[in-house]
Amino acid sequence: MKKEHAAVAAYQFKRTKTDGLIEVLNEGSYVMAEYSERTGVVRWQRVVVAPQKEKIERWLLEHYPARAAKASA
């Protein structure tokens, strides 16, 4: 569990001016991915190691659940 937290801790998650869009930034403030709260889809802009990518995607879904999923539940 600590490894997962450490992988996610190296990133920042920032809401954009566009409603429902969250940027995933690395330590150097480069945009690595964009996550849509509306659809729950993560669009990767840069290469990230697969296990780390999965952890970040899981974290995003837990902390910013997709609105479509909320509406249907």
PDB file of N, CA and C in Angstrom:
ATOM      1  N   MET A   1       0.818  -1.186   0.000  1.00  0.00           N
ATOM      2  CA  MET A   1       0.000   0.000   0.000  1.00  0.00           C
ATOM      3  C   MET A   1       0.870   1.261   0.000  1.00  0.00           C
ATOM      4  N   LYS A   2       1.976   1.239   0.720  1.00  0.00           N
ATOM      5  CA  LYS A   2       2.855   2.397   0.767  1.00  0.00           C
ATOM      6  C   LYS A   2       3.474   2.674  -0.595  1.00  0.00           C
ATOM      7  N   LYS A   3       3.816   1.614  -1.347  1.00  0.00           N
ATOM      8  CA  LYS A   3       4.389   1.797  -2.677  1.00  0.00           C
ATOM      9  C   LYS A   3       3.401   2.516  -3.585  1.00  0.00           C
ATOM     10  N   GLU A   4       2.137   2.141  -3.494  1.00  0.00           N
ATOM     11  CA  GLU A   4       1.116   2.772  -4.327  1.00  0.00           C
ATOM     12  C   GLU A   4       1.001   4.253  -3.985  1.00  0.00           C
ATOM     13  N   HIS A   5       0.999   4.575  -2.707  1.00  0.00           N
ATOM     14  CA  HIS A   5       0.898   5.968  -2.276  1.00  0.00           C
ATOM     15  C   HIS A   5       2.119   6.751  -2.747  1.00  0.00           C
ATOM     16  N   ALA A   6       3.302   6.149  -2.684  1.00  0.00           N
ATOM     17  CA  ALA A   6       4.524   6.823  -3.108  1.00  0.00           C
ATOM     18  C   ALA A   6       4.487   7.114  -4.599  1.00  0.00           C
ATOM     19  N   ALA A   7       3.956   6.192  -5.390  1.00  0.00           N
ATOM     20  CA  ALA A   7       3.870   6.395  -6.835  1.00  0.00           C
ATOM     21  C   ALA A   7       2.936   7.553  -7.161  1.00  0.00           C
ATOM     22  N   VAL A   8       1.840   7.641  -6.451  1.00  0.00           N
ATOM     23  CA  VAL A   8       0.860   8.701  -6.683  1.00  0.00           C
ATOM     24  C   VAL A   8       1.353  10.023  -6.097  1.00  0.00           C
ATOM     25  N   ALA A   9       2.091   9.974  -4.998  1.00  0.00           N
ATOM     26  CA  ALA A   9       2.568  11.188  -4.330  1.00  0.00           C
ATOM     27  C   ALA A   9       3.525  11.992  -5.210  1.00  0.00           C
ATOM     28  N   ALA A  10       4.151  11.352  -6.178  1.00  0.00           N
ATOM     29  CA  ALA A  10       5.075  12.047  -7.067  1.00  0.00           C
ATOM     30  C   ALA A  10       4.337  12.907  -8.097  1.00  0.00           C
ATOM     31  N   TYR A  11       3.019  12.837  -8.116  1.00  0.00           N
ATOM     32  CA  TYR A  11       2.213  13.573  -9.083  1.00  0.00           C
ATOM     33  C   TYR A  11       1.302  14.573  -8.390  1.00  0.00           C
ATOM     34  N   GLN A  12       0.905  15.589  -9.144  1.00  0.00           N
ATOM     35  CA  GLN A  12      -0.067  16.572  -8.667  1.00  0.00           C
ATOM     36  C   GLN A  12      -1.312  16.432  -9.532  1.00  0.00           C
ATOM     37  N   PHE A  13      -2.447  16.686  -8.939  1.00  0.00           N
ATOM     38  CA  PHE A  13      -3.718  16.594  -9.655  1.00  0.00           C
ATOM     39  C   PHE A  13      -4.388  17.959  -9.556  1.00  0.00           C
ATOM     40  N   LYS A  14      -4.617  18.567 -10.712  1.00  0.00           N
ATOM     41  CA  LYS A  14      -5.080  19.950 -10.733  1.00  0.00           C
ATOM     42  C   LYS A  14      -6.292  20.096 -11.649  1.00  0.00           C
ATOM     43  N   ARG A  15      -7.337  20.726 -11.124  1.00  0.00           N
ATOM     44  CA  ARG A  15      -8.513  21.008 -11.947  1.00  0.00           C
ATOM     45  C   ARG A  15      -8.165  22.097 -12.953  1.00  0.00           C
ATOM     46  N   THR A  16      -8.678  21.961 -14.156  1.00  0.00           N
ATOM     47  CA  THR A  16      -8.461  22.970 -15.181  1.00  0.00           C
ATOM     48  C   THR A  16      -9.650  23.920 -15.221  1.00  0.00           C
ATOM     49  N   LYS A  17      -9.551  24.940 -16.062  1.00  0.00           N
ATOM     50  CA  LYS A  17     -10.663  25.878 -16.227  1.00  0.00           C
ATOM     51  C   LYS A  17     -11.838  25.205 -16.916  1.00  0.00           C
ATOM     52  N   THR A  18     -11.549  24.172 -17.703  1.00  0.00           N
ATOM     53  CA  THR A  18     -12.601  23.400 -18.344  1.00  0.00           C
ATOM     54  C   THR A  18     -13.273  22.535 -17.283  1.00  0.00           C
ATOM     55  N   ASP A  19     -14.584  22.647 -17.164  1.00  0.00           N
ATOM     56  CA  ASP A  19     -15.319  21.917 -16.142  1.00  0.00           C
ATOM     57  C   ASP A  19     -15.170  20.409 -16.314  1.00  0.00           C
ATOM     58  N   GLY A  20     -14.819  19.726 -15.229  1.00  0.00           N
ATOM     59  CA  GLY A  20     -14.747  18.271 -15.232  1.00  0.00           C
ATOM     60  C   GLY A  20     -13.451  17.692 -15.746  1.00  0.00           C
ATOM     61  N   LEU A  21     -12.432  18.531 -15.996  1.00  0.00           N
ATOM     62  CA  LEU A  21     -11.159  18.046 -16.504  1.00  0.00           C
ATOM     63  C   LEU A  21     -10.084  18.232 -15.441  1.00  0.00           C
ATOM     64  N   ILE A  22      -9.322  17.176 -15.179  1.00  0.00           N
ATOM     65  CA  ILE A  22      -8.261  17.209 -14.173  1.00  0.00           C
ATOM     66  C   ILE A  22      -6.955  16.829 -14.846  1.00  0.00           C
ATOM     67  N   GLU A  23      -5.937  17.670 -14.662  1.00  0.00           N
ATOM     68  CA  GLU A  23      -4.612  17.393 -15.219  1.00  0.00           C
ATOM     69  C   GLU A  23      -3.782  16.613 -14.213  1.00  0.00           C
ATOM     70  N   VAL A  24      -2.996  15.678 -14.728  1.00  0.00           N
ATOM     71  CA  VAL A  24      -2.043  14.930 -13.919  1.00  0.00           C
ATOM     72  C   VAL A  24      -0.670  15.488 -14.273  1.00  0.00           C
ATOM     73  N   LEU A  25      -0.017  16.102 -13.291  1.00  0.00           N
ATOM     74  CA  LEU A  25       1.281  16.729 -13.522  1.00  0.00           C
ATOM     75  C   LEU A  25       2.370  15.977 -12.774  1.00  0.00           C
ATOM     76  N   ASN A  26       3.551  15.860 -13.373  1.00  0.00           N
ATOM     77  CA  ASN A  26       4.662  15.214 -12.679  1.00  0.00           C
ATOM     78  C   ASN A  26       5.394  16.235 -11.818  1.00  0.00           C
ATOM     79  N   GLU A  27       6.497  15.835 -11.214  1.00  0.00           N
ATOM     80  CA  GLU A  27       7.244  16.714 -10.312  1.00  0.00           C
ATOM     81  C   GLU A  27       7.763  17.963 -11.001  1.00  0.00           C
ATOM     82  N   GLY A  28       8.003  17.878 -12.309  1.00  0.00           N
ATOM     83  CA  GLY A  28       8.491  19.017 -13.078  1.00  0.00           C
ATOM     84  C   GLY A  28       7.367  19.864 -13.647  1.00  0.00           C
ATOM     85  N   SER A  29       6.142  19.602 -13.224  1.00  0.00           N
ATOM     86  CA  SER A  29       4.928  20.304 -13.663  1.00  0.00           C
ATOM     87  C   SER A  29       4.603  20.098 -15.142  1.00  0.00           C
ATOM     88  N   TYR A  30       5.066  18.992 -15.713  1.00  0.00           N
ATOM     89  CA  TYR A  30       4.678  18.639 -17.074  1.00  0.00           C
ATOM     90  C   TYR A  30       3.342  17.910 -17.025  1.00  0.00           C
ATOM     91  N   VAL A  31       2.477  18.215 -17.965  1.00  0.00           N
ATOM     92  CA  VAL A  31       1.186  17.529 -18.030  1.00  0.00           C
ATOM     93  C   VAL A  31       1.436  16.116 -18.563  1.00  0.00           C
ATOM     94  N   MET A  32       1.120  15.133 -17.739  1.00  0.00           N
ATOM     95  CA  MET A  32       1.319  13.738 -18.116  1.00  0.00           C
ATOM     96  C   MET A  32       0.033  13.138 -18.681  1.00  0.00           C
ATOM     97  N   ALA A  33      -1.102  13.587 -18.128  1.00  0.00           N
ATOM     98  CA  ALA A  33      -2.388  13.031 -18.553  1.00  0.00           C
ATOM     99  C   ALA A  33      -3.504  14.014 -18.223  1.00  0.00           C
ATOM    100  N   GLU A  34      -4.653  13.768 -18.837  1.00  0.00           N
ATOM    101  CA  GLU A  34      -5.865  14.510 -18.518  1.00  0.00           C
ATOM    102  C   GLU A  34      -6.947  13.495 -18.196  1.00  0.00           C
ATOM    103  N   TYR A  35      -7.669  13.757 -17.133  1.00  0.00           N
ATOM    104  CA  TYR A  35      -8.743  12.862 -16.690  1.00  0.00           C
ATOM    105  C   TYR A  35     -10.062  13.615 -16.770  1.00  0.00           C
ATOM    106  N   SER A  36     -11.045  12.994 -17.379  1.00  0.00           N
ATOM    107  CA  SER A  36     -12.367  13.593 -17.495  1.00  0.00           C
ATOM    108  C   SER A  36     -13.292  13.011 -16.437  1.00  0.00           C
ATOM    109  N   GLU A  37     -13.794  13.873 -15.562  1.00  0.00           N
ATOM    110  CA  GLU A  37     -14.766  13.427 -14.557  1.00  0.00           C
ATOM    111  C   GLU A  37     -16.092  13.058 -15.216  1.00  0.00           C
ATOM    112  N   ARG A  38     -16.366  13.615 -16.354  1.00  0.00           N
ATOM    113  CA  ARG A  38     -17.625  13.314 -17.046  1.00  0.00           C
ATOM    114  C   ARG A  38     -17.664  11.875 -17.537  1.00  0.00           C
ATOM    115  N   THR A  39     -16.542  11.412 -18.096  1.00  0.00           N
ATOM    116  CA  THR A  39     -16.526  10.084 -18.703  1.00  0.00           C
ATOM    117  C   THR A  39     -15.726   9.054 -17.915  1.00  0.00           C
ATOM    118  N   GLY A  40     -14.798   9.511 -17.066  1.00  0.00           N
ATOM    119  CA  GLY A  40     -13.939   8.593 -16.333  1.00  0.00           C
ATOM    120  C   GLY A  40     -12.760   8.100 -17.164  1.00  0.00           C
ATOM    121  N   VAL A  41     -12.486   8.787 -18.276  1.00  0.00           N
ATOM    122  CA  VAL A  41     -11.415   8.384 -19.193  1.00  0.00           C
ATOM    123  C   VAL A  41     -10.148   9.196 -18.916  1.00  0.00           C
ATOM    124  N   VAL A  42      -9.002   8.493 -18.882  1.00  0.00           N
ATOM    125  CA  VAL A  42      -7.703   9.135 -18.726  1.00  0.00           C
ATOM    126  C   VAL A  42      -7.024   9.120 -20.087  1.00  0.00           C
ATOM    127  N   ARG A  43      -6.585  10.292 -20.546  1.00  0.00           N
ATOM    128  CA  ARG A  43      -5.864  10.403 -21.819  1.00  0.00           C
ATOM    129  C   ARG A  43      -4.425  10.766 -21.502  1.00  0.00           C
ATOM    130  N   TRP A  44      -3.538   9.833 -21.770  1.00  0.00           N
ATOM    131  CA  TRP A  44      -2.123  10.020 -21.457  1.00  0.00           C
ATOM    132  C   TRP A  44      -1.439  10.815 -22.548  1.00  0.00           C
ATOM    133  N   GLN A  45      -0.651  11.812 -22.142  1.00  0.00           N
ATOM    134  CA  GLN A  45       0.088  12.681 -23.055  1.00  0.00           C
ATOM    135  C   GLN A  45       1.545  12.230 -23.180  1.00  0.00           C
ATOM    136  N   ARG A  46       2.052  11.616 -22.122  1.00  0.00           N
ATOM    137  CA  ARG A  46       3.456  11.184 -22.074  1.00  0.00           C
ATOM    138  C   ARG A  46       3.540   9.739 -21.589  1.00  0.00           C
ATOM    139  N   VAL A  47       4.680   9.138 -21.813  1.00  0.00           N
ATOM    140  CA  VAL A  47       4.888   7.737 -21.453  1.00  0.00           C
ATOM    141  C   VAL A  47       5.102   7.612 -19.946  1.00  0.00           C
ATOM    142  N   VAL A  48       4.382   6.666 -19.347  1.00  0.00           N
ATOM    143  CA  VAL A  48       4.500   6.354 -17.920  1.00  0.00           C
ATOM    144  C   VAL A  48       4.562   4.835 -17.807  1.00  0.00           C
ATOM    145  N   VAL A  49       5.357   4.331 -16.893  1.00  0.00           N
ATOM    146  CA  VAL A  49       5.489   2.897 -16.679  1.00  0.00           C
ATOM    147  C   VAL A  49       4.106   2.312 -16.358  1.00  0.00           C
ATOM    148  N   ALA A  50       3.774   1.175 -16.968  1.00  0.00           N
ATOM    149  CA  ALA A  50       2.432   0.582 -16.874  1.00  0.00           C
ATOM    150  C   ALA A  50       1.917   0.404 -15.437  1.00  0.00           C
ATOM    151  N   PRO A  51       2.696  -0.166 -14.497  1.00  0.00           N
ATOM    152  CA  PRO A  51       2.164  -0.324 -13.136  1.00  0.00           C
ATOM    153  C   PRO A  51       1.841   1.020 -12.471  1.00  0.00           C
ATOM    154  N   GLN A  52       2.672   2.022 -12.730  1.00  0.00           N
ATOM    155  CA  GLN A  52       2.440   3.343 -12.162  1.00  0.00           C
ATOM    156  C   GLN A  52       1.204   3.983 -12.800  1.00  0.00           C
ATOM    157  N   LYS A  53       1.050   3.764 -14.074  1.00  0.00           N
ATOM    158  CA  LYS A  53      -0.108   4.277 -14.816  1.00  0.00           C
ATOM    159  C   LYS A  53      -1.408   3.703 -14.241  1.00  0.00           C
ATOM    160  N   GLU A  54      -1.431   2.411 -13.975  1.00  0.00           N
ATOM    161  CA  GLU A  54      -2.607   1.748 -13.410  1.00  0.00           C
ATOM    162  C   GLU A  54      -2.945   2.309 -12.026  1.00  0.00           C
ATOM    163  N   LYS A  55      -1.921   2.550 -11.210  1.00  0.00           N
ATOM    164  CA  LYS A  55      -2.142   3.084  -9.861  1.00  0.00           C
ATOM    165  C   LYS A  55      -2.728   4.489  -9.926  1.00  0.00           C
ATOM    166  N   ILE A  56      -2.212   5.299 -10.838  1.00  0.00           N
ATOM    167  CA  ILE A  56      -2.713   6.671 -10.987  1.00  0.00           C
ATOM    168  C   ILE A  56      -4.151   6.650 -11.473  1.00  0.00           C
ATOM    169  N   GLU A  57      -4.454   5.802 -12.442  1.00  0.00           N
ATOM    170  CA  GLU A  57      -5.825   5.698 -12.955  1.00  0.00           C
ATOM    171  C   GLU A  57      -6.788   5.244 -11.861  1.00  0.00           C
ATOM    172  N   ARG A  58      -6.373   4.273 -11.057  1.00  0.00           N
ATOM    173  CA  ARG A  58      -7.204   3.786  -9.953  1.00  0.00           C
ATOM    174  C   ARG A  58      -7.434   4.900  -8.930  1.00  0.00           C
ATOM    175  N   TRP A  59      -6.369   5.646  -8.612  1.00  0.00           N
ATOM    176  CA  TRP A  59      -6.470   6.742  -7.651  1.00  0.00           C
ATOM    177  C   TRP A  59      -7.435   7.814  -8.157  1.00  0.00           C
ATOM    178  N   LEU A  60      -7.345   8.152  -9.424  1.00  0.00           N
ATOM    179  CA  LEU A  60      -8.237   9.153 -10.013  1.00  0.00           C
ATOM    180  C   LEU A  60      -9.698   8.716  -9.915  1.00  0.00           C
ATOM    181  N   LEU A  61      -9.955   7.457 -10.229  1.00  0.00           N
ATOM    182  CA  LEU A  61     -11.333   6.962 -10.169  1.00  0.00           C
ATOM    183  C   LEU A  61     -11.883   6.956  -8.741  1.00  0.00           C
ATOM    184  N   GLU A  62     -11.011   6.684  -7.770  1.00  0.00           N
ATOM    185  CA  GLU A  62     -11.445   6.682  -6.361  1.00  0.00           C
ATOM    186  C   GLU A  62     -11.714   8.091  -5.850  1.00  0.00           C
ATOM    187  N   HIS A  63     -10.855   9.044  -6.213  1.00  0.00           N
ATOM    188  CA  HIS A  63     -10.956  10.402  -5.677  1.00  0.00           C
ATOM    189  C   HIS A  63     -11.824  11.336  -6.520  1.00  0.00           C
ATOM    190  N   TYR A  64     -11.962  11.041  -7.801  1.00  0.00           N
ATOM    191  CA  TYR A  64     -12.789  11.837  -8.702  1.00  0.00           C
ATOM    192  C   TYR A  64     -13.683  10.887  -9.511  1.00  0.00           C
ATOM    193  N   PRO A  65     -14.691  10.291  -8.873  1.00  0.00           N
ATOM    194  CA  PRO A  65     -15.522   9.326  -9.606  1.00  0.00           C
ATOM    195  C   PRO A  65     -16.231   9.991 -10.785  1.00  0.00           C
ATOM    196  N   ALA A  66     -16.389   9.224 -11.840  1.00  0.00           N
ATOM    197  CA  ALA A  66     -17.039   9.731 -13.045  1.00  0.00           C
ATOM    198  C   ALA A  66     -18.478  10.110 -12.749  1.00  0.00           C
ATOM    199  N   ARG A  67     -18.895  11.254 -13.239  1.00  0.00           N
ATOM    200  CA  ARG A  67     -20.261  11.743 -12.999  1.00  0.00           C
ATOM    201  C   ARG A  67     -21.306  10.837 -13.646  1.00  0.00           C
ATOM    202  N   ALA A  68     -20.963  10.253 -14.785  1.00  0.00           N
ATOM    203  CA  ALA A  68     -21.894   9.340 -15.464  1.00  0.00           C
ATOM    204  C   ALA A  68     -22.173   8.135 -14.572  1.00  0.00           C
ATOM    205  N   ALA A  69     -21.137   7.651 -13.879  1.00  0.00           N
ATOM    206  CA  ALA A  69     -21.311   6.520 -12.975  1.00  0.00           C
ATOM    207  C   ALA A  69     -22.161   6.914 -11.773  1.00  0.00           C
ATOM    208  N   LYS A  70     -21.987   8.151 -11.282  1.00  0.00           N
ATOM    209  CA  LYS A  70     -22.780   8.626 -10.154  1.00  0.00           C
ATOM    210  C   LYS A  70     -24.258   8.718 -10.530  1.00  0.00           C
ATOM    211  N   ALA A  71     -24.522   9.227 -11.723  1.00  0.00           N
ATOM    212  CA  ALA A  71     -25.915   9.425 -12.165  1.00  0.00           C
ATOM    213  C   ALA A  71     -26.634   8.103 -12.339  1.00  0.00           C
ATOM    214  N   SER A  72     -25.944   7.086 -12.824  1.00  0.00           N
ATOM    215  CA  SER A  72     -26.595   5.788 -13.054  1.00  0.00           C
ATOM    216  C   SER A  72     -26.746   4.976 -11.783  1.00  0.00           C
ATOM    217  N   ALA A  73     -25.962   5.302 -10.748  1.00  0.00           N
ATOM    218  CA  ALA A  73     -25.999   4.533  -9.488  1.00  0.00           C
ATOM    219  C   ALA A  73     -27.178   4.850  -8.628  1.00  0.00           C
TER     220      ALA A  73
END
